[in-house]
Amino acid sequence: MFEREESTLIVKLSGEADLYGSSCLKQGLARKLGRVRKLIFDLEELDFADSYFLRVLLGLRKQLGGVSSVKVINAKPNVSKIFEITGLDELFM
């Protein structure tokens, strides 16, 4: 689900952000990124995330060109763990 607040796009994810889910997300976002300066991913309903999802986030961060352009909020402990293990919690959380 996507919500827009001026130049910020809030993306609420559920289920799994694996190769298939992240690919669908990437395609869905491609049509919504016009004039977006910041992305916030609300992961409250996300049960699983893998390294492909992290690659998507890194690519979006590079595309939007900012240190705080992509943020993750409300991640469950098992999803937060992949960010912590890779050290990407400092970039996204």
Protein backbone atom coordinates (compact mmCIF):
# COMPACT_ATOMS: atom_id res chain seq x y z
CA MET A 1 0.00 0.00 0.00
CA PHE A 2 1.29 3.46 -0.93
CA GLU A 3 0.48 6.77 0.77
CA ARG A 4 1.84 10.08 -0.42
CA GLU A 5 2.49 13.12 1.75
CA GLU A 6 3.95 15.88 -0.43
CA SER A 7 7.42 14.65 -1.49
CA THR A 8 7.35 11.64 0.88
CA LEU A 9 6.01 8.25 -0.14
CA ILE A 10 5.05 5.84 2.65
CA VAL A 11 5.11 2.19 1.65
CA LYS A 12 3.38 -0.30 3.92
CA LEU A 13 4.59 -3.84 3.32
CA SER A 14 3.16 -7.15 4.46
CA GLY A 15 4.01 -10.80 3.92
CA GLU A 16 7.49 -11.52 2.62
CA ALA A 17 10.08 -9.27 0.97
CA ASP A 18 11.94 -12.05 -0.81
CA LEU A 19 13.10 -12.16 -4.44
CA TYR A 20 9.56 -12.31 -5.82
CA GLY A 21 8.00 -9.80 -3.40
CA SER A 22 10.88 -7.35 -3.76
CA SER A 23 10.72 -7.58 -7.56
CA CYS A 24 7.00 -6.73 -7.45
CA LEU A 25 7.73 -3.88 -5.05
CA LYS A 26 10.42 -2.51 -7.35
CA GLN A 27 8.04 -2.55 -10.31
CA GLY A 28 5.27 -0.89 -8.31
CA LEU A 29 7.57 1.83 -7.07
CA ALA A 30 8.89 2.62 -10.54
CA ARG A 31 5.57 4.24 -11.40
CA LYS A 32 5.29 6.17 -8.13
CA LEU A 33 8.71 7.81 -7.67
CA GLY A 34 8.07 11.01 -9.62
CA ARG A 35 8.82 14.00 -7.35
CA VAL A 36 9.50 11.73 -4.37
CA ARG A 37 12.42 12.83 -2.21
CA LYS A 38 11.90 10.47 0.70
CA LEU A 39 10.63 6.90 1.06
CA ILE A 40 9.45 5.48 4.36
CA PHE A 41 8.91 1.74 4.54
CA ASP A 42 6.50 0.71 7.29
CA LEU A 43 7.34 -2.94 7.98
CA GLU A 44 4.86 -3.55 10.79
CA GLU A 45 3.12 -6.33 8.82
CA LEU A 46 6.25 -7.71 7.12
CA ASP A 47 7.13 -11.22 8.30
CA PHE A 48 10.33 -11.85 6.32
CA ALA A 49 12.99 -9.91 4.41
CA ASP A 50 16.04 -11.19 2.57
CA SER A 51 19.16 -9.74 0.98
CA TYR A 52 17.36 -8.92 -2.26
CA PHE A 53 15.08 -6.56 -0.35
CA LEU A 54 18.17 -4.88 1.12
CA ARG A 55 19.58 -4.47 -2.40
CA VAL A 56 16.34 -2.82 -3.49
CA LEU A 57 16.56 -0.39 -0.56
CA LEU A 58 20.19 0.43 -1.33
CA GLY A 59 19.31 1.05 -4.98
CA LEU A 60 16.45 3.33 -4.02
CA ARG A 61 18.69 5.25 -1.63
CA LYS A 62 21.21 5.77 -4.42
CA GLN A 63 18.47 6.73 -6.89
CA LEU A 64 16.98 9.32 -4.54
CA GLY A 65 20.48 10.56 -3.72
CA GLY A 66 20.23 11.26 -0.05
CA VAL A 67 21.53 10.02 3.25
CA SER A 68 18.06 10.01 4.81
CA SER A 69 16.08 9.45 1.60
CA VAL A 70 15.01 5.89 2.55
CA LYS A 71 13.96 4.91 6.05
CA VAL A 72 12.49 1.79 7.63
CA ILE A 73 10.07 1.93 10.57
CA ASN A 74 8.15 -0.58 12.72
CA ALA A 75 10.22 -3.63 11.76
CA LYS A 76 9.58 -6.82 13.72
CA PRO A 77 12.60 -8.27 15.57
CA ASN A 78 13.17 -11.03 12.99
CA VAL A 79 13.16 -8.47 10.16
CA SER A 80 15.32 -6.00 12.09
CA LYS A 81 17.90 -8.73 12.53
CA ILE A 82 18.90 -8.76 8.83
CA PHE A 83 19.52 -5.01 9.02
CA GLU A 84 21.60 -5.42 12.19
CA ILE A 85 23.64 -8.36 10.86
CA THR A 86 24.56 -6.46 7.68
CA GLY A 87 25.14 -3.17 9.47
CA LEU A 88 22.46 -1.49 7.39
CA ASP A 89 20.41 -0.62 10.47
CA GLU A 90 22.54 2.53 10.73
CA LEU A 91 21.52 3.58 7.20
CA PHE A 92 17.85 2.72 7.27
CA MET A 93 16.57 2.57 10.84
